[in-house]
Amino acid sequence: MKFELFKGQNDKVYFRLKARNGQVILTSQGYSNKSGAKNGIESVQKNCHDDNCYEIKEAKNGKPFFNLIAANKQIIGNSQMYASMASLRSGIASVKKVAPEARVEDLTAE
């Protein structure tokens, strides 16, 4: 279980939260620098236990996904699309369990 910091093709810095099995359970928006992404990780760890910070959505294809939002209503990260609401709820439970103790692995070239 870990957060990975990485650079996208657009030169922005992102993070993703991975479960023990290596599956990505949360991905961030792009940040202009590494410190912004690290602040995003801290925000995930701070807000992940609050049920009010999870915004459940439905994609155009009908599949559910969730956004983790901060107190200021900014999206911190979003999930993959799930096959069912039961699997989505399991994804939220994984974020709550994994995020607080996850280590940070820096994959950026900086």
Protein backbone atom coordinates (compact mmCIF):
# COMPACT_ATOMS: atom_id res chain seq x y z
CA MET A 1 0.00 0.00 0.00
CA LYS A 2 1.48 3.24 -1.15
CA PHE A 3 1.04 6.59 -2.79
CA GLU A 4 3.07 6.96 -5.97
CA LEU A 5 4.12 10.43 -7.13
CA PHE A 6 4.64 10.55 -10.89
CA LYS A 7 4.85 12.99 -13.78
CA GLY A 8 2.28 12.90 -16.56
CA GLN A 9 2.92 13.57 -20.23
CA ASN A 10 1.74 17.15 -19.63
CA ASP A 11 4.63 17.64 -17.15
CA LYS A 12 2.20 17.91 -14.23
CA VAL A 13 2.74 15.89 -11.05
CA TYR A 14 0.10 13.36 -9.96
CA PHE A 15 -0.32 10.82 -7.22
CA ARG A 16 -2.11 7.50 -7.16
CA LEU A 17 -3.02 5.38 -4.17
CA LYS A 18 -2.39 1.68 -4.61
CA ALA A 19 -3.80 -1.16 -2.53
CA ARG A 20 -1.72 -4.11 -1.32
CA ASN A 21 -2.55 -6.02 -4.52
CA GLY A 22 -1.16 -3.17 -6.63
CA GLN A 23 -4.55 -2.01 -7.86
CA VAL A 24 -4.95 1.77 -8.17
CA ILE A 25 -7.82 2.87 -5.94
CA LEU A 26 -7.50 6.66 -6.16
CA THR A 27 -5.85 9.03 -8.66
CA SER A 28 -5.25 12.74 -8.23
CA GLN A 29 -5.74 15.72 -10.45
CA GLY A 30 -2.57 17.23 -11.97
CA TYR A 31 -0.42 19.56 -9.87
CA SER A 32 2.10 22.08 -11.17
CA ASN A 33 4.77 20.83 -8.76
CA LYS A 34 5.70 18.02 -6.41
CA SER A 35 4.91 19.97 -3.23
CA GLY A 36 1.34 20.49 -4.44
CA ALA A 37 0.94 16.76 -5.01
CA LYS A 38 2.36 16.03 -1.55
CA ASN A 39 -0.18 18.45 -0.06
CA GLY A 40 -2.85 16.50 -1.96
CA ILE A 41 -1.68 13.27 -0.35
CA GLU A 42 -1.89 14.90 3.08
CA SER A 43 -5.42 16.02 2.24
CA VAL A 44 -6.39 12.45 1.31
CA GLN A 45 -5.03 11.21 4.63
CA LYS A 46 -6.86 13.97 6.51
CA ASN A 47 -10.23 13.58 4.77
CA CYS A 48 -10.46 9.87 3.92
CA HIS A 49 -12.37 8.85 7.07
CA ASP A 50 -15.17 11.41 6.60
CA ASP A 51 -18.09 9.89 4.70
CA ASN A 52 -19.19 13.40 3.71
CA CYS A 53 -15.99 13.75 1.66
CA TYR A 54 -17.03 11.02 -0.77
CA GLU A 55 -19.06 12.12 -3.74
CA ILE A 56 -20.62 9.20 -5.63
CA LYS A 57 -21.12 9.82 -9.34
CA GLU A 58 -22.24 7.93 -12.42
CA ALA A 59 -20.25 7.99 -15.65
CA LYS A 60 -21.90 8.37 -19.05
CA ASN A 61 -21.66 4.60 -19.49
CA GLY A 62 -23.71 4.10 -16.29
CA LYS A 63 -20.84 2.85 -14.15
CA PRO A 64 -20.42 4.33 -10.66
CA PHE A 65 -17.25 6.04 -9.43
CA PHE A 66 -16.40 8.36 -6.57
CA ASN A 67 -14.52 11.57 -5.95
CA LEU A 68 -12.81 12.29 -2.65
CA ILE A 69 -13.36 15.98 -1.90
CA ALA A 70 -11.80 18.35 0.62
CA ALA A 71 -13.72 20.63 2.98
CA ASN A 72 -13.51 23.40 0.35
CA LYS A 73 -15.29 21.04 -2.11
CA GLN A 74 -12.22 20.70 -4.34
CA ILE A 75 -11.68 17.22 -5.75
CA ILE A 76 -8.61 15.60 -4.18
CA GLY A 77 -8.79 12.39 -6.18
CA ASN A 78 -11.10 10.13 -8.10
CA SER A 79 -11.62 6.42 -8.35
CA GLN A 80 -11.79 4.01 -11.20
CA MET A 81 -15.21 3.09 -12.56
CA TYR A 82 -16.83 0.17 -10.80
CA ALA A 83 -19.12 -2.59 -12.04
CA SER A 84 -21.55 -2.16 -9.13
CA MET A 85 -22.34 0.00 -6.12
CA ALA A 86 -21.17 -2.84 -3.87
CA SER A 87 -17.72 -2.80 -5.46
CA LEU A 88 -17.65 1.01 -5.25
CA ARG A 89 -18.37 0.84 -1.52
CA SER A 90 -15.55 -1.67 -1.20
CA GLY A 91 -13.27 0.82 -2.99
CA ILE A 92 -14.19 3.56 -0.51
CA ALA A 93 -13.48 1.17 2.37
CA SER A 94 -10.08 0.44 0.84
CA VAL A 95 -9.19 4.14 0.68
CA LYS A 96 -10.21 4.56 4.33
CA LYS A 97 -8.08 1.59 5.35
CA VAL A 98 -5.00 2.12 3.17
CA ALA A 99 -4.51 5.90 2.88
CA PRO A 100 -3.66 6.81 6.49
CA GLU A 101 -0.67 4.45 6.68
CA ALA A 102 0.43 4.41 3.03
CA ARG A 103 4.04 5.32 2.33
CA VAL A 104 4.97 7.73 -0.47
CA GLU A 105 7.11 6.49 -3.35
CA ASP A 106 8.52 9.24 -5.55
CA LEU A 107 8.68 8.16 -9.22
CA THR A 108 9.38 11.64 -10.58
CA ALA A 109 12.76 12.35 -12.18
CA GLU A 110 13.29 15.56 -10.20
